[in-house]
Structure formats: C-alpha cells, structure tokens
C-alpha cells in the first residue's frame, strides 16, 4: 500500500509547492497581499517595474544567456560525440564527467573569474613578455555589461550535464550500427554520426536542454559572481527588491519574478522555433548527400572545444587552490613569492558551522529523495506497470525558474508560521534534488535483470526480503552514485537556501557567494575550494565503497 502511494506522493510534493508558490507570486504582482495591506488588485507593481532603469537590458541579457549558453553547450557536446566516439579522448572525457558535474556552479564561476580577470592567471602567464603589461590592464572582462563572462561560466558547467544526459540516452539508439550503415554508403565517421545519430538523439535529451535554458536564463549565484552589475540580470534585480528593507518592494519583486517567468518562457518558445528551423535545415543537409565535406573541421572543433572547456574548469580550480595558499603576489608575477597556510587557519573556525549545515541539509534532502525514488521504482517493478505519465512532472522544478515560485513559497511558509528553519530549507532542496536522483537511478533500476528477484522468491524469500537482500546490494553502486549526484545538487543550491533560510541558515555556498562582493581572493579561494571539494567526497565514496565491500565480486563493483 505504501509503495503504491510513492508516485502520488512524489508528484504532490513537487507540483503542490511549485503551483502554490506561483500563485502566491502572481497575487502580489497585481497588488494583492493582505499581510502588507494590499487588498485590491491593480497594475501599480507593473508600472513601477517597467519604470526601473536598465530593465530592458536586464531582460535582454537574461534572455540571451539562456539561448546562447544552451546553444553553445549543445553544439560542443554533439561535435565531441560525433568526432571523438570510441577514441582515447572519448574515454578520458567520460571518466571526467562525474568530477566535472560535481563542481558547484559558484566554485566553477570563481575559478573562471580568477583565470580571466585582468590580473588573473592568464594575464600573468603572458605578461609582460607578450603583452608589455606591468600592471593589470583597465579592461572590464569579468562582469562585462553584456554578460559574456556569465555565458562562458555557464557553458563550462552545462557541457558536462548535457554530455551526461546524452551518454545516458545513446544506448537506446545503437549508434555504432547507425554509423556503420552510413559508413557503408561512403560517409566519413563524423558526418555519418551527425546525419544518423544526432537527429535521433536530440528528442531524447530535449527535456534536459529545456532545463538548461530555464536555469541559465534565471541563474542567481553565477550571475552574482560573473554577471553584469549596472544593470544586473533580471534575477539579481528581483532578489535585491525582495531583500529591500522597504516591504512595499515585495510587490515589485513579485512582478519581477513573474516577468522572469515570462522571459524564460519566451526563451523556451524561441528555442522551440529554432528547433523546427534546424530540423528543416538538417533535413536539407541530409538529403543533399554530402559524404566528406567538413569532416576534418567538425572533428577538430569537437576535440578543441571539449578540451578547452575541460581544461578551463580544472585550471580554474587550480587557480582557487593557488590563491588559497598564496602569500604576497604582485602583478605580473606568474607565481606568488611564497606560500602560506594562514588563510586556511583563519577560515577554519568560520567554516565549521556552514560545513555542518551544508552536510546536514544535503544528506537530509538526498536521503528523503532516495527513499521516495526507490519506493516509486520498486512499486513500478512489482506492479509491472510502466512509469506513470505524471512522473514527467518530476522535471517541473528544473523547467520553472526558481525565482518565480520560491518567492511565493516564502510567503506561504511565513503565513503558516514556518519561519527560516533547517527543515524548511531541506524541503526546498528536496524539490531540486529529487529529479536528479530519479534521473540518475531510474534507467539502471529498470534494466535490472528480474530473474535475480525471481530466483530469490523461488528460494522462499518474500518480496521485501528479495528487495533488501538481493536487489539493493546488487544495485549499491548506482544507488551510491545517485546519492552523490543528489549531494552535489544540494551543496550547490544558493537561492533556496538564501530565500527559505532568510539569510539565517548559512551554507558553504551562501557564504562563498557572499564573498564575491569583496576583493580578498585568498579568502574566496578557501571557501570556493571547500565548496568544490565537498561534492567530490560523495563521488569518491560512490566509487570506492562498492569496490571495498565487493572486492571478491567484480560484477557488483559497478552498475549492473
């Protein structure tokens, strides 16, 4: 009975708060918020919103960030898969997907900022020999007005996500057979992959692509680090209005949140139109029958772009580590004059509280998500039914901009008397952790050979006994991987913690982002490196624990 309720409970837990949050964001946007004296509907919040200086540029940058980031990331992933399939680089990148995905957005953004800033590592490596710079150039690279650095930071993080989603979908298509058939007709390998596999792959990853558009068009933490400031992107403006001491600005914040929802919806609609256009162009390209032209260029582009993205991410992390232990470091010296642990010693007392809070929230949200996902998947196996059509609603938190419904959720929590408590933040994180845990575990769970369970039942075990003593141990590796993904997602959450915690519940992520407004790179390096390291422990455990427990059972060390 309890298992049958699991899918309904999952959908209710996700859809209910999001719909309620949207409603409670829409009402104040039209002047109705009784707790602040707003008892009549009107358009005053919208008039105030459209009178804000720089609003048009904020909207344009947010809109462009969603489309450009997604377009570039998807192009890099497809070119890499087409040009490097089966190569040594392909195997190397596949091993690095999980570590890259575990890096929180804020840590990756700090790493990129330390790399490309006028006084960053790149400028130091080429100065003064190639540039003649004896002091940092007066260039606005980080936080440029058109959000180019913001887009670059998001591309570095979204490539691993889309690559992971693509790798998970590819086995359904048998790409080797498709490419082999095209090769027999004279097509070169990369051209063959682009013409036979890519058109079939995209429909399978359409939802993750939409999630990337929604997230990048409304991102907050990365925008605070890399995004423009005057004016900022729309999501940052909404946060500033929401945190304004003047409570009357809540109406303005609600209108801004609904406008952000409209910007994201517009970006999704534009992308859908581009899908249709691209499909027609692809059909024309395929019908034309070109078999070799562009092969070398596509291969070089796929190899170069994926290498540049991967190296940038890891060199950025190296820059964080270097800054966290650097002593006096004058420009244009490539390395500091000395190294010191004083920055870590000073930060350690302050790190204890946020690290504990981060782990408590992450473990709590991930554990609840794992229990719900296992219950839903086990119910699916026992009843023999296909996945409920309603389970696509799992992805609703990834498609709806966080800023659009979290503000309304805060209003609801305050009305219910549930102030900024840790369990409220855990619930907020659960909305985003649950979809990723389900994504990570569902396909492996469904592919589990049912004959193992039947064998256990034939030996007298109950269904519950078969689950605990056969299925769960054999699926330990993918379960731990799903937990590691959930932990990484929770650790990287900024906006749910900041809004639902009202600034009173601090995590490593909120503290690291708060330091972005300061100029102390050493302290930022310490906090960002800790933030980047915490999720990595989860993946190390996911890989190491099955190898330790099943050292004498090679087939159980990884996913079945």
Protein backbone atom coordinates (compact mmCIF):
# COMPACT_ATOMS: atom_id res chain seq x y z
CA UNK A 1 0.00 0.00 0.00
CA UNK A 2 2.77 2.41 0.94
CA UNK A 3 4.67 1.64 -2.28
CA UNK A 4 1.58 2.43 -4.38
CA UNK A 5 1.40 5.84 -2.75
CA UNK A 6 5.02 6.70 -3.59
CA UNK A 7 4.46 8.08 -7.14
CA UNK A 8 1.46 10.11 -5.98
CA UNK A 9 3.44 11.44 -3.02
CA UNK A 10 6.36 12.43 -5.25
CA UNK A 11 4.17 14.31 -7.71
CA UNK A 12 2.24 16.00 -4.89
CA UNK A 13 5.40 17.06 -3.08
CA UNK A 14 6.83 18.63 -6.23
CA UNK A 15 3.82 20.05 -8.03
CA UNK A 16 1.95 21.33 -4.98
CA UNK A 17 4.63 23.71 -3.66
CA UNK A 18 5.52 24.96 -7.14
CA UNK A 19 1.93 25.74 -8.13
CA UNK A 20 1.24 27.28 -4.72
CA UNK A 21 4.44 29.32 -4.97
CA UNK A 22 3.50 30.59 -8.42
CA UNK A 23 0.04 31.60 -7.23
CA UNK A 24 1.48 33.45 -4.23
CA UNK A 25 3.90 35.22 -6.55
CA UNK A 26 1.20 36.21 -9.04
CA UNK A 27 -1.17 37.71 -6.47
CA UNK A 28 1.29 40.31 -5.04
CA UNK A 29 2.38 41.09 -8.61
CA UNK A 30 -1.11 42.52 -9.08
CA UNK A 31 -1.24 44.29 -5.73
CA UNK A 32 -2.92 41.63 -3.58
CA UNK A 33 -1.00 40.81 -0.40
CA UNK A 34 -3.26 41.28 2.66
CA UNK A 35 -0.43 40.92 5.21
CA UNK A 36 1.06 44.13 3.79
CA UNK A 37 -2.29 45.86 3.38
CA UNK A 38 -2.76 45.03 -0.29
CA UNK A 39 -6.44 44.05 -0.55
CA UNK A 40 -7.22 45.32 -4.05
CA UNK A 41 -5.94 44.17 -7.41
CA UNK A 42 -4.15 46.67 -9.61
CA UNK A 43 -1.27 47.26 -12.03
CA UNK A 44 0.80 49.57 -9.81
CA UNK A 45 3.58 46.95 -9.29
CA UNK A 46 3.92 46.54 -13.06
CA UNK A 47 4.06 50.29 -13.68
CA UNK A 48 6.79 50.54 -11.06
CA UNK A 49 8.61 47.58 -12.62
CA UNK A 50 8.62 49.00 -16.15
CA UNK A 51 9.84 52.34 -14.77
CA UNK A 52 13.01 50.71 -13.39
CA UNK A 53 16.16 51.98 -15.15
CA UNK A 54 18.02 49.40 -17.21
CA UNK A 55 15.15 46.89 -17.16
CA UNK A 56 15.29 46.31 -20.92
CA UNK A 57 18.98 45.42 -20.86
CA UNK A 58 18.43 43.12 -17.85
CA UNK A 59 15.75 41.25 -19.76
CA UNK A 60 17.83 41.04 -22.94
CA UNK A 61 20.91 39.72 -21.15
CA UNK A 62 18.85 37.13 -19.24
CA UNK A 63 17.11 36.03 -22.43
CA UNK A 64 20.35 35.86 -24.43
CA UNK A 65 22.19 33.99 -21.66
CA UNK A 66 19.62 31.20 -21.74
CA UNK A 67 19.74 30.77 -25.51
CA UNK A 68 23.46 31.34 -26.17
CA UNK A 69 24.64 29.16 -23.28
CA UNK A 70 22.38 26.29 -24.31
CA UNK A 71 23.24 26.59 -28.00
CA UNK A 72 26.99 26.61 -27.41
CA UNK A 73 26.88 23.79 -24.84
CA UNK A 74 24.73 21.54 -27.02
CA UNK A 75 26.89 22.21 -30.07
CA UNK A 76 30.09 21.31 -28.20
CA UNK A 77 28.54 18.09 -26.87
CA UNK A 78 27.26 16.96 -30.28
CA UNK A 79 30.53 17.79 -32.04
CA UNK A 80 32.51 15.91 -29.40
CA UNK A 81 30.29 12.83 -29.58
CA UNK A 82 30.36 12.90 -33.37
CA UNK A 83 34.09 13.38 -33.81
CA UNK A 84 35.61 11.55 -30.86
CA UNK A 85 33.37 8.48 -30.44
CA UNK A 86 35.47 5.47 -29.38
CA UNK A 87 38.72 7.46 -29.19
CA UNK A 88 41.09 7.73 -26.24
CA UNK A 89 39.89 11.29 -25.65
CA UNK A 90 36.30 9.99 -25.56
CA UNK A 91 37.15 7.51 -22.82
CA UNK A 92 39.10 10.14 -20.91
CA UNK A 93 36.30 12.71 -21.01
CA UNK A 94 33.71 10.11 -19.98
CA UNK A 95 35.72 9.41 -16.84
CA UNK A 96 35.84 13.13 -16.05
CA UNK A 97 32.10 13.79 -16.49
CA UNK A 98 31.20 13.00 -12.88
CA UNK A 99 34.01 15.10 -11.32
CA UNK A 100 33.13 17.99 -13.63
CA UNK A 101 29.44 17.67 -12.83
CA UNK A 102 30.18 17.62 -9.10
CA UNK A 103 31.80 21.07 -9.19
CA UNK A 104 29.20 23.57 -7.91
CA UNK A 105 28.30 26.40 -10.26
CA UNK A 106 29.63 29.04 -7.87
CA UNK A 107 33.02 27.33 -7.48
CA UNK A 108 33.37 26.99 -11.25
CA UNK A 109 32.43 30.66 -11.65
CA UNK A 110 35.06 31.76 -9.13
CA UNK A 111 37.64 29.59 -10.88
CA UNK A 112 36.85 31.20 -14.24
CA UNK A 113 36.92 34.69 -12.71
CA UNK A 114 40.37 34.07 -11.22
CA UNK A 115 41.50 32.82 -14.62
CA UNK A 116 40.26 35.54 -17.00
CA UNK A 117 40.32 38.65 -14.77
CA UNK A 118 42.72 41.45 -15.83
CA UNK A 119 45.01 40.35 -13.01
CA UNK A 120 44.16 36.66 -13.37
CA UNK A 121 46.31 33.68 -14.22
CA UNK A 122 46.07 34.06 -17.99
CA UNK A 123 47.18 37.70 -17.94
CA UNK A 124 50.05 36.82 -15.60
CA UNK A 125 51.29 33.97 -17.79
CA UNK A 126 51.63 36.20 -20.87
CA UNK A 127 52.83 39.36 -19.12
CA UNK A 128 54.94 41.30 -19.57
CA UNK A 129 56.67 39.26 -22.29
CA UNK A 130 53.83 39.06 -24.83
CA UNK A 131 51.71 42.00 -23.69
CA UNK A 132 54.07 44.51 -22.15
CA UNK A 133 51.70 44.87 -19.18
CA UNK A 134 53.46 45.82 -15.95
CA UNK A 135 50.15 46.37 -14.20
CA UNK A 136 46.67 44.86 -14.75
CA UNK A 137 45.01 46.34 -17.87
CA UNK A 138 41.94 48.52 -17.46
CA UNK A 139 39.57 46.03 -19.11
CA UNK A 140 36.09 45.01 -17.98
CA UNK A 141 36.28 41.26 -18.56
CA UNK A 142 34.53 39.80 -15.53
CA UNK A 143 31.02 41.23 -15.03
CA UNK A 144 31.01 42.76 -18.51
CA UNK A 145 27.78 44.62 -19.40
CA UNK A 146 26.62 42.07 -21.99
CA UNK A 147 27.13 39.02 -19.79
CA UNK A 148 29.76 37.30 -21.96
CA UNK A 149 31.75 36.09 -18.95
CA UNK A 150 28.48 34.89 -17.39
CA UNK A 151 27.72 32.89 -20.53
CA UNK A 152 31.23 31.42 -20.56
CA UNK A 153 30.90 30.33 -16.94
CA UNK A 154 27.55 28.69 -17.60
CA UNK A 155 28.85 26.90 -20.71
CA UNK A 156 31.66 25.30 -18.66
CA UNK A 157 29.08 23.85 -16.25
CA UNK A 158 26.32 22.90 -18.68
CA UNK A 159 28.54 20.93 -21.08
CA UNK A 160 29.11 18.10 -18.53
CA UNK A 161 25.38 17.99 -17.73
CA UNK A 162 24.28 17.70 -21.35
CA UNK A 163 27.09 15.25 -22.06
CA UNK A 164 25.95 13.02 -19.19
CA UNK A 165 22.34 13.15 -20.40
CA UNK A 166 23.48 12.32 -23.94
CA UNK A 167 25.63 9.39 -22.81
CA UNK A 168 22.68 8.03 -20.85
CA UNK A 169 20.41 8.24 -23.92
CA UNK A 170 22.81 6.90 -26.56
CA UNK A 171 22.45 3.17 -25.71
CA UNK A 172 18.81 3.39 -26.77
CA UNK A 173 19.88 4.31 -30.32
CA UNK A 174 22.61 1.74 -31.08
CA UNK A 175 24.84 4.48 -32.59
CA UNK A 176 27.54 2.05 -33.76
CA UNK A 177 25.11 0.26 -36.07
CA UNK A 178 23.78 3.56 -37.46
CA UNK A 179 27.26 4.90 -38.16
CA UNK A 180 28.40 1.58 -39.67
CA UNK A 181 25.45 1.61 -42.06
CA UNK A 182 26.23 5.18 -43.13
CA UNK A 183 29.93 4.31 -43.50
CA UNK A 184 28.98 1.51 -45.88
CA UNK A 185 27.41 4.21 -48.09
CA UNK A 186 30.65 6.20 -48.19
CA UNK A 187 30.09 8.71 -45.38
CA UNK A 188 33.01 9.77 -43.19
CA UNK A 189 32.62 8.89 -39.46
CA UNK A 190 31.82 12.35 -38.11
CA UNK A 191 29.43 13.20 -40.95
CA UNK A 192 27.78 9.79 -40.53
CA UNK A 193 27.23 10.40 -36.80
CA UNK A 194 25.81 13.89 -37.34
CA UNK A 195 23.39 12.66 -40.04
CA UNK A 196 22.22 9.41 -38.48
CA UNK A 197 22.61 9.69 -34.69
CA UNK A 198 22.23 13.39 -33.84
CA UNK A 199 18.64 13.75 -35.23
CA UNK A 200 17.54 10.70 -33.21
CA UNK A 201 19.44 11.73 -30.06
CA UNK A 202 18.05 15.24 -29.69
CA UNK A 203 14.42 14.22 -28.92
CA UNK A 204 15.75 12.06 -26.07
CA UNK A 205 17.61 14.97 -24.47
CA UNK A 206 15.07 17.70 -25.27
CA UNK A 207 13.89 17.94 -21.65
CA UNK A 208 17.42 18.36 -20.22
CA UNK A 209 18.04 21.02 -22.88
CA UNK A 210 14.92 22.88 -21.78
CA UNK A 211 16.11 22.60 -18.17
CA UNK A 212 19.41 24.23 -19.16
CA UNK A 213 17.55 27.11 -20.84
CA UNK A 214 15.37 27.64 -17.78
CA UNK A 215 18.29 27.55 -15.36
CA UNK A 216 20.73 29.72 -17.30
CA UNK A 217 18.13 32.40 -18.11
CA UNK A 218 17.33 32.84 -14.40
CA UNK A 219 20.58 31.90 -12.63
CA UNK A 220 21.46 33.87 -9.49
CA UNK A 221 24.67 32.63 -7.85
CA UNK A 222 26.81 32.61 -11.01
CA UNK A 223 25.31 35.96 -12.05
CA UNK A 224 26.42 37.49 -8.74
CA UNK A 225 30.00 36.40 -9.50
CA UNK A 226 30.32 36.80 -13.28
CA UNK A 227 27.24 38.73 -14.39
CA UNK A 228 26.87 42.45 -15.12
CA UNK A 229 26.11 44.81 -12.26
CA UNK A 230 24.69 48.05 -13.71
CA UNK A 231 22.12 46.88 -14.52
CA UNK A 232 22.33 43.27 -13.31
CA UNK A 233 20.45 40.40 -14.91
CA UNK A 234 16.75 40.28 -14.07
CA UNK A 235 17.00 37.53 -11.45
CA UNK A 236 19.52 39.56 -9.43
CA UNK A 237 17.27 42.63 -9.55
CA UNK A 238 14.37 40.55 -8.22
CA UNK A 239 16.50 39.32 -5.31
CA UNK A 240 17.56 42.88 -4.50
CA UNK A 241 13.95 44.06 -4.46
CA UNK A 242 12.91 41.09 -2.34
CA UNK A 243 15.63 41.79 0.24
CA UNK A 244 14.90 45.53 0.36
CA UNK A 245 14.08 46.71 3.92
CA UNK A 246 11.04 48.51 2.49
CA UNK A 247 8.40 45.77 2.48
CA UNK A 248 6.44 47.64 -0.18
CA UNK A 249 9.12 46.49 -2.62
CA UNK A 250 7.74 42.96 -2.27
CA UNK A 251 5.08 43.89 -4.81
CA UNK A 252 7.80 44.98 -7.22
CA UNK A 253 9.74 41.78 -6.53
CA UNK A 254 6.67 39.68 -7.31
CA UNK A 255 6.12 41.47 -10.59
CA UNK A 256 9.80 40.96 -11.43
CA UNK A 257 9.53 37.24 -10.61
CA UNK A 258 6.57 36.84 -12.97
CA UNK A 259 8.46 38.81 -15.63
CA UNK A 260 11.38 36.38 -15.16
CA UNK A 261 8.95 33.51 -15.72
CA UNK A 262 7.86 35.23 -18.93
CA UNK A 263 11.47 35.74 -20.06
CA UNK A 264 12.23 32.05 -19.52
CA UNK A 265 9.02 31.03 -21.28
CA UNK A 266 9.97 33.32 -24.17
CA UNK A 267 13.42 31.74 -24.35
CA UNK A 268 11.87 28.27 -24.40
CA UNK A 269 9.42 29.30 -27.13
CA UNK A 270 12.22 30.81 -29.19
CA UNK A 271 14.27 27.65 -28.81
CA UNK A 272 11.29 25.57 -29.91
CA UNK A 273 11.03 27.69 -33.06
CA UNK A 274 14.76 27.27 -33.64
CA UNK A 275 14.28 23.50 -33.26
CA UNK A 276 11.79 23.50 -36.13
CA UNK A 277 14.09 25.62 -38.30
CA UNK A 278 17.12 23.48 -37.52
CA UNK A 279 15.16 20.30 -38.27
CA UNK A 280 14.35 21.61 -41.76
CA UNK A 281 17.94 22.67 -42.38
CA UNK A 282 19.20 19.29 -41.17
CA UNK A 283 16.76 17.52 -43.49
CA UNK A 284 18.06 19.54 -46.43
CA UNK A 285 21.67 18.80 -45.44
CA UNK A 286 20.96 15.07 -45.14
CA UNK A 287 19.09 14.96 -48.47
CA UNK A 288 21.95 16.74 -50.23
CA UNK A 289 24.08 13.68 -49.56
CA UNK A 290 27.46 15.27 -48.80
CA UNK A 291 29.67 12.46 -47.52
CA UNK A 292 33.06 14.00 -46.71
CA UNK A 293 32.95 17.78 -46.83
CA UNK A 294 33.60 19.36 -43.43
CA UNK A 295 34.73 16.12 -41.76
CA UNK A 296 38.10 17.45 -40.60
CA UNK A 297 36.71 20.80 -39.41
CA UNK A 298 33.97 19.12 -37.35
CA UNK A 299 36.43 16.72 -35.73
CA UNK A 300 38.89 19.48 -34.84
CA UNK A 301 36.08 21.67 -33.48
CA UNK A 302 34.70 18.86 -31.31
CA UNK A 303 38.12 17.97 -29.95
CA UNK A 304 39.30 21.55 -29.39
CA UNK A 305 36.13 22.86 -27.74
CA UNK A 306 35.72 19.97 -25.29
CA UNK A 307 39.40 20.17 -24.33
CA UNK A 308 39.19 23.94 -23.84
CA UNK A 309 36.11 23.61 -21.63
CA UNK A 310 37.55 20.79 -19.52
CA UNK A 311 40.96 22.38 -19.08
CA UNK A 312 39.38 25.73 -18.19
CA UNK A 313 37.35 24.10 -15.43
CA UNK A 314 40.30 22.27 -13.90
CA UNK A 315 42.78 25.14 -14.32
CA UNK A 316 40.22 27.39 -12.64
CA UNK A 317 40.10 25.03 -9.67
CA UNK A 318 43.88 25.06 -9.64
CA UNK A 319 43.73 28.85 -9.50
CA UNK A 320 41.43 28.66 -6.47
CA UNK A 321 43.86 26.32 -4.73
CA UNK A 322 46.82 28.55 -5.59
CA UNK A 323 45.12 31.68 -4.31
CA UNK A 324 44.10 29.96 -1.08
CA UNK A 325 47.74 29.33 -0.11
CA UNK A 326 49.46 32.28 -1.78
CA UNK A 327 51.46 34.88 0.06
CA UNK A 328 52.47 38.20 -1.49
CA UNK A 329 51.65 38.01 -5.21
CA UNK A 330 52.39 41.10 -7.21
CA UNK A 331 51.35 41.50 -10.85
CA UNK A 332 52.69 40.37 -13.33
CA UNK A 333 54.43 37.53 -11.43
CA UNK A 334 53.15 34.15 -12.63
CA UNK A 335 53.50 32.63 -9.15
CA UNK A 336 53.34 34.11 -5.64
CA UNK A 337 56.56 34.93 -3.85
CA UNK A 338 55.68 32.48 -1.11
CA UNK A 339 53.05 30.09 0.16
CA UNK A 340 51.26 30.14 3.49
CA UNK A 341 48.52 28.28 5.33
CA UNK A 342 47.43 31.34 7.28
CA UNK A 343 44.33 31.88 5.13
CA UNK A 344 43.15 28.36 5.90
CA UNK A 345 43.94 28.71 9.61
CA UNK A 346 41.90 31.90 9.79
CA UNK A 347 38.97 30.42 7.85
CA UNK A 348 38.73 27.07 9.64
CA UNK A 349 36.82 28.35 12.71
CA UNK A 350 34.29 30.07 10.46
CA UNK A 351 33.98 27.04 8.17
CA UNK A 352 32.77 24.61 10.83
CA UNK A 353 29.21 25.93 11.11
CA UNK A 354 28.44 26.33 7.38
CA UNK A 355 30.05 22.96 6.52
CA UNK A 356 27.96 21.19 9.17
CA UNK A 357 24.80 22.95 7.99
CA UNK A 358 25.61 22.15 4.35
CA UNK A 359 26.12 18.45 5.02
CA UNK A 360 23.04 18.19 7.26
CA UNK A 361 20.78 19.76 4.62
CA UNK A 362 22.36 17.82 1.74
CA UNK A 363 22.21 14.44 3.50
CA UNK A 364 18.65 15.06 4.69
CA UNK A 365 17.33 16.09 1.27
CA UNK A 366 19.21 13.31 -0.53
CA UNK A 367 18.07 10.60 1.87
CA UNK A 368 14.39 11.61 1.57
CA UNK A 369 14.70 11.79 -2.21
CA UNK A 370 16.35 8.35 -2.37
CA UNK A 371 13.64 6.72 -0.24
CA UNK A 372 10.88 8.20 -2.41
CA UNK A 373 12.60 7.26 -5.67
CA UNK A 374 13.33 3.68 -4.56
CA UNK A 375 9.72 3.28 -3.39
CA UNK A 376 8.35 4.56 -6.70
CA UNK A 377 10.67 2.38 -8.80
CA UNK A 378 10.06 -0.74 -6.68
CA UNK A 379 6.30 -0.20 -6.96
CA UNK A 380 6.75 0.05 -10.73
CA UNK A 381 8.62 -3.29 -10.78
CA UNK A 382 6.16 -5.14 -8.53
CA UNK A 383 3.03 -3.99 -10.32
CA UNK A 384 4.56 -4.48 -13.77
CA UNK A 385 3.24 -1.11 -14.87
CA UNK A 386 5.13 1.33 -16.99
CA UNK A 387 6.24 4.60 -15.44
CA UNK A 388 3.31 6.86 -14.66
CA UNK A 389 2.77 9.54 -17.24
CA UNK A 390 2.52 12.01 -14.37
CA UNK A 391 6.16 11.37 -13.46
CA UNK A 392 7.25 13.83 -16.16
CA UNK A 393 6.17 16.42 -13.59
CA UNK A 394 9.36 15.45 -11.72
CA UNK A 395 11.16 17.78 -14.09
CA UNK A 396 8.89 20.73 -13.33
CA UNK A 397 11.34 22.23 -10.77
CA UNK A 398 14.03 22.17 -13.47
CA UNK A 399 11.88 23.94 -16.07
CA UNK A 400 10.19 26.60 -13.91
CA UNK A 401 12.66 29.35 -12.86
CA UNK A 402 13.48 29.10 -9.16
CA UNK A 403 12.95 32.81 -8.59
CA UNK A 404 9.40 32.55 -9.99
CA UNK A 405 8.00 30.22 -7.34
CA UNK A 406 10.40 30.34 -4.39
CA UNK A 407 9.28 33.87 -3.52
CA UNK A 408 5.67 32.67 -3.31
CA UNK A 409 6.80 29.67 -1.28
CA UNK A 410 8.46 32.00 1.22
CA UNK A 411 5.18 33.94 1.57
CA UNK A 412 3.31 30.66 2.20
CA UNK A 413 5.82 29.50 4.81
CA UNK A 414 5.64 32.83 6.60
CA UNK A 415 1.83 32.70 6.58
CA UNK A 416 1.92 29.20 8.11
CA UNK A 417 4.32 30.37 10.81
CA UNK A 418 7.13 28.18 9.47
CA UNK A 419 9.99 30.62 9.67
CA UNK A 420 13.56 30.11 8.48
CA UNK A 421 14.23 26.68 9.94
CA UNK A 422 16.53 23.97 8.70
CA UNK A 423 13.73 21.57 7.81
CA UNK A 424 12.20 24.25 5.58
CA UNK A 425 15.49 24.58 3.70
CA UNK A 426 15.75 20.77 3.42
CA UNK A 427 12.27 20.74 1.90
CA UNK A 428 13.30 23.46 -0.55
CA UNK A 429 16.40 21.49 -1.58
CA UNK A 430 14.30 18.34 -1.97
CA UNK A 431 12.40 19.98 -4.83
CA UNK A 432 15.62 20.10 -6.86
CA UNK A 433 17.43 17.02 -5.55
CA UNK A 434 14.58 14.59 -6.23
CA UNK A 435 14.52 14.97 -10.04
CA UNK A 436 18.26 14.43 -10.31
CA UNK A 437 18.21 11.35 -8.07
CA UNK A 438 15.36 9.92 -10.16
CA UNK A 439 17.21 10.70 -13.40
CA UNK A 440 20.38 9.04 -12.12
CA UNK A 441 18.76 5.85 -10.83
CA UNK A 442 15.63 5.13 -12.88
CA UNK A 443 17.18 3.61 -16.01
CA UNK A 444 19.61 1.38 -14.10
CA UNK A 445 16.83 0.20 -11.78
CA UNK A 446 14.53 -0.63 -14.69
CA UNK A 447 17.27 -2.53 -16.53
CA UNK A 448 17.99 -4.75 -13.50
CA UNK A 449 17.58 -8.37 -14.52
CA UNK A 450 14.27 -9.53 -12.90
CA UNK A 451 15.49 -13.14 -12.86
CA UNK A 452 17.55 -12.38 -9.75
CA UNK A 453 14.42 -11.43 -7.83
CA UNK A 454 12.51 -14.45 -9.18
CA UNK A 455 15.34 -16.71 -8.07
CA UNK A 456 15.18 -15.25 -4.55
CA UNK A 457 11.39 -15.73 -4.48
CA UNK A 458 11.74 -19.34 -5.63
CA UNK A 459 14.06 -19.97 -2.68
CA UNK A 460 11.39 -18.83 -0.22
CA UNK A 461 12.29 -15.16 0.21
CA UNK A 462 9.49 -12.62 0.50
CA UNK A 463 9.24 -9.66 -1.86
CA UNK A 464 10.61 -7.39 0.83
CA UNK A 465 13.38 -9.85 1.59
CA UNK A 466 14.26 -10.04 -2.10
CA UNK A 467 14.45 -6.26 -2.21
CA UNK A 468 16.67 -5.86 0.85
CA UNK A 469 18.91 -8.89 0.36
CA UNK A 470 19.22 -9.13 -3.44
CA UNK A 471 18.17 -6.06 -5.40
CA UNK A 472 19.53 -3.41 -3.03
CA UNK A 473 23.02 -4.96 -2.59
CA UNK A 474 23.38 -5.59 -6.33
CA UNK A 475 22.36 -2.01 -7.10
CA UNK A 476 24.59 -0.49 -4.41
CA UNK A 477 26.94 1.21 -6.89
CA UNK A 478 24.25 3.08 -8.90
CA UNK A 479 22.38 3.94 -5.70
CA UNK A 480 25.52 5.50 -4.22
CA UNK A 481 26.12 7.34 -7.50
CA UNK A 482 22.58 8.73 -7.40
CA UNK A 483 23.18 9.82 -3.80
CA UNK A 484 26.43 11.51 -4.82
CA UNK A 485 24.56 13.40 -7.55
CA UNK A 486 21.89 14.43 -5.03
CA UNK A 487 24.51 15.63 -2.56
CA UNK A 488 26.25 17.65 -5.27
CA UNK A 489 22.97 19.27 -6.33
CA UNK A 490 22.06 20.17 -2.74
CA UNK A 491 25.52 21.51 -1.87
CA UNK A 492 25.40 23.80 -4.90
CA UNK A 493 21.96 25.27 -4.12
CA UNK A 494 22.08 29.00 -3.39
CA UNK A 495 18.67 30.57 -3.95
CA UNK A 496 16.51 28.07 -1.97
CA UNK A 497 18.88 28.39 1.00
CA UNK A 498 19.01 32.17 0.80
CA UNK A 499 15.25 32.71 0.47
CA UNK A 500 13.81 29.92 2.62
CA UNK A 501 16.56 30.38 5.21
CA UNK A 502 16.08 34.18 5.21
CA UNK A 503 19.85 34.60 5.44
CA UNK A 504 19.88 32.97 8.90
CA UNK A 505 20.84 29.48 7.74
CA UNK A 506 24.26 29.66 6.18
CA UNK A 507 25.91 27.07 3.99
CA UNK A 508 29.26 26.97 2.28
CA UNK A 509 27.59 28.11 -0.96
CA UNK A 510 25.81 31.12 0.51
CA UNK A 511 28.97 32.22 2.32
CA UNK A 512 31.16 31.77 -0.77
CA UNK A 513 28.78 33.78 -2.96
CA UNK A 514 28.54 36.49 -0.30
CA UNK A 515 32.32 36.89 -0.50
CA UNK A 516 32.02 37.72 -4.22
CA UNK A 517 31.36 41.35 -3.40
CA UNK A 518 34.68 41.55 -1.55
CA UNK A 519 38.11 41.64 -3.11
CA UNK A 520 40.00 39.15 -0.95
CA UNK A 521 40.93 36.40 -3.39
CA UNK A 522 42.68 34.36 -0.72
CA UNK A 523 39.54 34.01 1.41
CA UNK A 524 37.36 33.44 -1.65
CA UNK A 525 39.79 30.73 -2.78
CA UNK A 526 39.49 28.91 0.55
CA UNK A 527 35.69 28.94 0.62
CA UNK A 528 35.24 28.13 -3.07
CA UNK A 529 37.72 25.25 -2.84
CA UNK A 530 35.88 23.80 0.15
CA UNK A 531 32.62 24.12 -1.76
CA UNK A 532 34.13 22.33 -4.77
CA UNK A 533 35.66 19.58 -2.63
CA UNK A 534 32.58 18.57 -0.61
CA UNK A 535 30.62 17.02 -3.53
CA UNK A 536 33.76 15.21 -4.70
CA UNK A 537 33.81 13.17 -1.49
CA UNK A 538 30.38 11.80 -2.38
CA UNK A 539 31.60 10.56 -5.77
CA UNK A 540 34.76 9.10 -4.23
CA UNK A 541 32.58 7.19 -1.77
CA UNK A 542 30.26 6.06 -4.57
CA UNK A 543 33.21 4.59 -6.48
CA UNK A 544 35.24 3.28 -3.55
CA UNK A 545 32.65 1.73 -1.24
CA UNK A 546 31.36 -0.93 -3.68
CA UNK A 547 34.95 -1.87 -4.56
CA UNK A 548 35.70 -2.27 -0.85
CA UNK A 549 32.54 -4.21 0.04
CA UNK A 550 32.51 -6.38 -3.08
CA UNK A 551 36.25 -6.85 -3.51
CA UNK A 552 35.65 -10.53 -4.28
CA UNK A 553 32.68 -9.90 -6.61
CA UNK A 554 33.89 -7.96 -9.65
CA UNK A 555 30.45 -7.76 -11.27
CA UNK A 556 28.98 -5.89 -8.27
CA UNK A 557 31.58 -3.12 -8.14
CA UNK A 558 29.78 -1.06 -10.75
CA UNK A 559 26.33 -0.66 -12.19
CA UNK A 560 24.89 -3.95 -13.40
